PDB file of N, CA and C in Angstrom:
ATOM      1  N   LYS A   1      63.821 195.417 144.959  1.00  0.00           N
ATOM      2  CA  LYS A   1      64.123 195.230 143.546  1.00  0.00           C
ATOM      3  C   LYS A   1      65.002 193.983 143.347  1.00  0.00           C
ATOM      4  N   ASP A   2      65.986 193.799 144.195  1.00  0.00           N
ATOM      5  CA  ASP A   2      66.879 192.646 144.072  1.00  0.00           C
ATOM      6  C   ASP A   2      66.129 191.337 144.308  1.00  0.00           C
ATOM      7  N   ASP A   3      65.175 191.371 145.240  1.00  0.00           N
ATOM      8  CA  ASP A   3      64.381 190.170 145.515  1.00  0.00           C
ATOM      9  C   ASP A   3      63.538 189.784 144.307  1.00  0.00           C
ATOM     10  N   VAL A   4      62.960 190.791 143.665  1.00  0.00           N
ATOM     11  CA  VAL A   4      62.132 190.540 142.482  1.00  0.00           C
ATOM     12  C   VAL A   4      62.998 189.973 141.363  1.00  0.00           C
ATOM     13  N   LEU A   5      64.161 190.566 141.159  1.00  0.00           N
ATOM     14  CA  LEU A   5      65.073 190.089 140.120  1.00  0.00           C
ATOM     15  C   LEU A   5      65.512 188.653 140.395  1.00  0.00           C
ATOM     16  N   ALA A   6      65.853 188.350 141.623  1.00  0.00           N
ATOM     17  CA  ALA A   6      66.268 186.993 141.992  1.00  0.00           C
ATOM     18  C   ALA A   6      65.130 186.007 141.768  1.00  0.00           C
ATOM     19  N   GLU A   7      63.916 186.422 142.122  1.00  0.00           N
ATOM     20  CA  GLU A   7      62.764 185.536 141.919  1.00  0.00           C
ATOM     21  C   GLU A   7      62.500 185.314 140.432  1.00  0.00           C
ATOM     22  N   LEU A   8      62.599 186.375 139.640  1.00  0.00           N
ATOM     23  CA  LEU A   8      62.411 186.234 138.194  1.00  0.00           C
ATOM     24  C   LEU A   8      63.469 185.321 137.583  1.00  0.00           C
ATOM     25  N   MET A   9      64.696 185.442 138.039  1.00  0.00           N
ATOM     26  CA  MET A   9      65.766 184.578 137.539  1.00  0.00           C
ATOM     27  C   MET A   9      65.504 183.126 137.915  1.00  0.00           C
ATOM     28  N   GLU A  10      65.005 182.904 139.122  1.00  0.00           N
ATOM     29  CA  GLU A  10      64.678 181.547 139.566  1.00  0.00           C
ATOM     30  C   GLU A  10      63.533 180.965 138.728  1.00  0.00           C
ATOM     31  N   VAL A  11      62.513 181.784 138.478  1.00  0.00           N
ATOM     32  CA  VAL A  11      61.380 181.340 137.661  1.00  0.00           C
ATOM     33  C   VAL A  11      61.850 181.033 136.247  1.00  0.00           C
ATOM     34  N   SER A  12      62.695 181.894 135.701  1.00  0.00           N
ATOM     35  CA  SER A  12      63.218 181.685 134.350  1.00  0.00           C
ATOM     36  C   SER A  12      64.006 180.383 134.262  1.00  0.00           C
ATOM     37  N   LYS A  13      64.825 180.130 135.260  1.00  0.00           N
ATOM     38  CA  LYS A  13      65.612 178.890 135.289  1.00  0.00           C
ATOM     39  C   LYS A  13      64.691 177.671 135.365  1.00  0.00           C
ATOM     40  N   ALA A  14      63.661 177.743 136.211  1.00  0.00           N
ATOM     41  CA  ALA A  14      62.717 176.632 136.345  1.00  0.00           C
ATOM     42  C   ALA A  14      61.957 176.407 135.042  1.00  0.00           C
ATOM     43  N   LEU A  15      61.546 177.495 134.399  1.00  0.00           N
ATOM     44  CA  LEU A  15      60.838 177.364 133.124  1.00  0.00           C
ATOM     45  C   LEU A  15      61.746 176.776 132.048  1.00  0.00           C
ATOM     46  N   GLY A  16      62.997 177.205 132.018  1.00  0.00           N
ATOM     47  CA  GLY A  16      63.952 176.665 131.052  1.00  0.00           C
ATOM     48  C   GLY A  16      64.135 175.170 131.235  1.00  0.00           C
ATOM     49  N   GLU A  17      64.241 174.733 132.478  1.00  0.00           N
ATOM     50  CA  GLU A  17      64.390 173.299 132.768  1.00  0.00           C
ATOM     51  C   GLU A  17      63.132 172.542 132.365  1.00  0.00           C
ATOM     52  N   SER A  18      61.978 173.124 132.656  1.00  0.00           N
ATOM     53  CA  SER A  18      60.710 172.489 132.291  1.00  0.00           C
ATOM     54  C   SER A  18      60.585 172.359 130.777  1.00  0.00           C
ATOM     55  N   ILE A  19      60.969 173.405 130.064  1.00  0.00           N
ATOM     56  CA  ILE A  19      60.925 173.375 128.597  1.00  0.00           C
ATOM     57  C   ILE A  19      61.857 172.288 128.068  1.00  0.00           C
ATOM     58  N   ARG A  20      63.060 172.194 128.633  1.00  0.00           N
ATOM     59  CA  ARG A  20      64.027 171.179 128.185  1.00  0.00           C
ATOM     60  C   ARG A  20      63.472 169.775 128.394  1.00  0.00           C
ATOM     61  N   ILE A  21      62.923 169.524 129.575  1.00  0.00           N
ATOM     62  CA  ILE A  21      62.377 168.200 129.891  1.00  0.00           C
ATOM     63  C   ILE A  21      61.204 167.869 128.977  1.00  0.00           C
ATOM     64  N   ASN A  22      60.299 168.833 128.800  1.00  0.00           N
ATOM     65  CA  ASN A  22      59.129 168.580 127.969  1.00  0.00           C
ATOM     66  C   ASN A  22      59.487 168.447 126.494  1.00  0.00           C
ATOM     67  N   THR A  23      60.529 169.141 126.053  1.00  0.00           N
ATOM     68  CA  THR A  23      60.997 168.990 124.675  1.00  0.00           C
ATOM     69  C   THR A  23      61.529 167.576 124.457  1.00  0.00           C
ATOM     70  N   GLU A  24      62.310 167.075 125.415  1.00  0.00           N
ATOM     71  CA  GLU A  24      62.810 165.698 125.321  1.00  0.00           C
ATOM     72  C   GLU A  24      61.655 164.705 125.304  1.00  0.00           C
ATOM     73  N   ARG A  25      60.672 164.936 126.147  1.00  0.00           N
ATOM     74  CA  ARG A  25      59.508 164.054 126.218  1.00  0.00           C
ATOM     75  C   ARG A  25      58.739 164.080 124.892  1.00  0.00           C
ATOM     76  N   LYS A  26      58.587 165.280 124.303  1.00  0.00           N
ATOM     77  CA  LYS A  26      57.878 165.413 123.030  1.00  0.00           C
ATOM     78  C   LYS A  26      58.605 164.653 121.927  1.00  0.00           C
ATOM     79  N   VAL A  27      59.928 164.774 121.885  1.00  0.00           N
ATOM     80  CA  VAL A  27      60.711 164.050 120.880  1.00  0.00           C
ATOM     81  C   VAL A  27      60.497 162.549 121.045  1.00  0.00           C
ATOM     82  N   HIS A  28      60.499 162.078 122.281  1.00  0.00           N
ATOM     83  CA  HIS A  28      60.289 160.656 122.548  1.00  0.00           C
ATOM     84  C   HIS A  28      58.898 160.221 122.073  1.00  0.00           C
ATOM     85  N   VAL A  29      57.885 161.005 122.393  1.00  0.00           N
ATOM     86  CA  VAL A  29      56.513 160.674 121.984  1.00  0.00           C
ATOM     87  C   VAL A  29      56.391 160.715 120.463  1.00  0.00           C
ATOM     88  N   ASP A  30      56.984 161.719 119.820  1.00  0.00           N
ATOM     89  CA  ASP A  30      56.944 161.805 118.358  1.00  0.00           C
ATOM     90  C   ASP A  30      57.607 160.586 117.717  1.00  0.00           C
ATOM     91  N   ASN A  31      58.739 160.156 118.271  1.00  0.00           N
ATOM     92  CA  ASN A  31      59.417 158.968 117.748  1.00  0.00           C
ATOM     93  C   ASN A  31      58.570 157.720 117.948  1.00  0.00           C
ATOM     94  N   LEU A  32      57.893 157.629 119.083  1.00  0.00           N
ATOM     95  CA  LEU A  32      57.011 156.498 119.345  1.00  0.00           C
ATOM     96  C   LEU A  32      55.851 156.479 118.353  1.00  0.00           C
ATOM     97  N   ILE A  33      55.258 157.638 118.092  1.00  0.00           N
ATOM     98  CA  ILE A  33      54.163 157.741 117.120  1.00  0.00           C
ATOM     99  C   ILE A  33      54.652 157.317 115.740  1.00  0.00           C
ATOM    100  N   LYS A  34      55.828 157.806 115.345  1.00  0.00           N
ATOM    101  CA  LYS A  34      56.391 157.455 114.039  1.00  0.00           C
ATOM    102  C   LYS A  34      56.609 155.951 113.935  1.00  0.00           C
ATOM    103  N   SER A  35      57.170 155.365 114.978  1.00  0.00           N
ATOM    104  CA  SER A  35      57.431 153.929 114.996  1.00  0.00           C
ATOM    105  C   SER A  35      56.135 153.129 114.898  1.00  0.00           C
ATOM    106  N   MET A  36      55.136 153.534 115.677  1.00  0.00           N
ATOM    107  CA  MET A  36      53.860 152.813 115.672  1.00  0.00           C
ATOM    108  C   MET A  36      53.145 152.968 114.334  1.00  0.00           C
ATOM    109  N   THR A  37      53.259 154.143 113.711  1.00  0.00           N
ATOM    110  CA  THR A  37      52.643 154.379 112.409  1.00  0.00           C
ATOM    111  C   THR A  37      53.293 153.498 111.349  1.00  0.00           C
ATOM    112  N   GLN A  38      54.624 153.422 111.373  1.00  0.00           N
ATOM    113  CA  GLN A  38      55.335 152.570 110.417  1.00  0.00           C
ATOM    114  C   GLN A  38      54.975 151.107 110.628  1.00  0.00           C
ATOM    115  N   GLU A  39      54.893 150.692 111.885  1.00  0.00           N
ATOM    116  CA  GLU A  39      54.548 149.309 112.202  1.00  0.00           C
ATOM    117  C   GLU A  39      53.142 148.985 111.710  1.00  0.00           C
ATOM    118  N   ALA A  40      52.206 149.898 111.910  1.00  0.00           N
ATOM    119  CA  ALA A  40      50.829 149.681 111.459  1.00  0.00           C
ATOM    120  C   ALA A  40      50.774 149.584 109.937  1.00  0.00           C
ATOM    121  N   ALA A  41      51.555 150.406 109.248  1.00  0.00           N
ATOM    122  CA  ALA A  41      51.585 150.366 107.788  1.00  0.00           C
ATOM    123  C   ALA A  41      52.161 149.041 107.302  1.00  0.00           C
ATOM    124  N   GLU A  42      53.196 148.548 107.979  1.00  0.00           N
ATOM    125  CA  GLU A  42      53.794 147.268 107.593  1.00  0.00           C
ATOM    126  C   GLU A  42      52.811 146.124 107.807  1.00  0.00           C
ATOM    127  N   VAL A  43      52.093 146.150 108.923  1.00  0.00           N
ATOM    128  CA  VAL A  43      51.099 145.110 109.202  1.00  0.00           C
ATOM    129  C   VAL A  43      49.996 145.161 108.153  1.00  0.00           C
ATOM    130  N   GLU A  44      49.578 146.377 107.784  1.00  0.00           N
ATOM    131  CA  GLU A  44      48.537 146.531 106.762  1.00  0.00           C
ATOM    132  C   GLU A  44      49.016 145.993 105.420  1.00  0.00           C
ATOM    133  N   GLU A  45      50.268 146.286 105.061  1.00  0.00           N
ATOM    134  CA  GLU A  45      50.819 145.782 103.802  1.00  0.00           C
ATOM    135  C   GLU A  45      50.888 144.259 103.809  1.00  0.00           C
ATOM    136  N   GLU A  46      51.289 143.676 104.936  1.00  0.00           N
ATOM    137  CA  GLU A  46      51.357 142.218 105.035  1.00  0.00           C
ATOM    138  C   GLU A  46      49.969 141.613 104.880  1.00  0.00           C
ATOM    139  N   GLY A  47      48.968 142.254 105.454  1.00  0.00           N
ATOM    140  CA  GLY A  47      47.595 141.776 105.339  1.00  0.00           C
ATOM    141  C   GLY A  47      47.110 141.826 103.905  1.00  0.00           C
ATOM    142  N   GLU A  48      47.467 142.876 103.186  1.00  0.00           N
ATOM    143  CA  GLU A  48      47.074 142.986 101.783  1.00  0.00           C
ATOM    144  C   GLU A  48      47.779 141.930 100.942  1.00  0.00           C
ATOM    145  N   ASP A  49      49.030 141.645 101.250  1.00  0.00           N
ATOM    146  CA  ASP A  49      49.773 140.629 100.513  1.00  0.00           C
ATOM    147  C   ASP A  49      49.153 139.248 100.706  1.00  0.00           C
ATOM    148  N   GLU A  50      48.693 138.964 101.922  1.00  0.00           N
ATOM    149  CA  GLU A  50      48.103 137.657 102.203  1.00  0.00           C
ATOM    150  C   GLU A  50      46.739 137.505 101.540  1.00  0.00           C
ATOM    151  N   LYS A  51      45.967 138.579 101.492  1.00  0.00           N
ATOM    152  CA  LYS A  51      44.624 138.519 100.913  1.00  0.00           C
ATOM    153  C   LYS A  51      44.660 138.642  99.403  1.00  0.00           C
ATOM    154  N   GLY A  52      45.708 139.174  98.871  1.00  0.00           N
ATOM    155  CA  GLY A  52      45.742 139.477  97.457  1.00  0.00           C
ATOM    156  C   GLY A  52      45.152 140.852  97.254  1.00  0.00           C
ATOM    157  N   ASN A  53      44.971 141.229  96.020  1.00  0.00           N
ATOM    158  CA  ASN A  53      44.409 142.538  95.721  1.00  0.00           C
ATOM    159  C   ASN A  53      42.950 142.362  95.350  1.00  0.00           C
ATOM    160  N   PRO A  54      42.009 142.694  96.238  1.00  0.00           N
ATOM    161  CA  PRO A  54      40.588 142.474  95.959  1.00  0.00           C
ATOM    162  C   PRO A  54      40.098 143.251  94.748  1.00  0.00           C
ATOM    163  N   GLU A  55      40.665 144.414  94.466  1.00  0.00           N
ATOM    164  CA  GLU A  55      40.234 145.191  93.305  1.00  0.00           C
ATOM    165  C   GLU A  55      40.622 144.479  92.014  1.00  0.00           C
ATOM    166  N   ALA A  56      41.773 143.854  91.990  1.00  0.00           N
ATOM    167  CA  ALA A  56      42.230 143.157  90.790  1.00  0.00           C
ATOM    168  C   ALA A  56      41.369 141.929  90.519  1.00  0.00           C
ATOM    169  N   GLU A  57      40.875 141.269  91.569  1.00  0.00           N
ATOM    170  CA  GLU A  57      40.057 140.075  91.394  1.00  0.00           C
ATOM    171  C   GLU A  57      38.702 140.406  90.783  1.00  0.00           C
ATOM    172  N   GLY A  58      38.210 141.623  91.018  1.00  0.00           N
ATOM    173  CA  GLY A  58      36.902 142.004  90.505  1.00  0.00           C
ATOM    174  C   GLY A  58      36.910 142.299  89.018  1.00  0.00           C
ATOM    175  N   ASN A  59      38.053 142.506  88.419  1.00  0.00           N
ATOM    176  CA  ASN A  59      38.123 142.874  86.997  1.00  0.00           C
ATOM    177  C   ASN A  59      38.169 141.690  86.109  1.00  0.00           C
TER     178      ASN A  59
END
């Protein structure tokens, strides 16, 4: 019984560490996605500014 309990505690500790590491990694990836999305939107806005508004020219 003690061996099983010790093994379960070890597994729990390993899982907790894995969750912590993967949570940090997820936050990093989410921040990278947010940054890249904002950058893409800024580039798109700059492109629209340079081309003008094609819908307005058609009217």
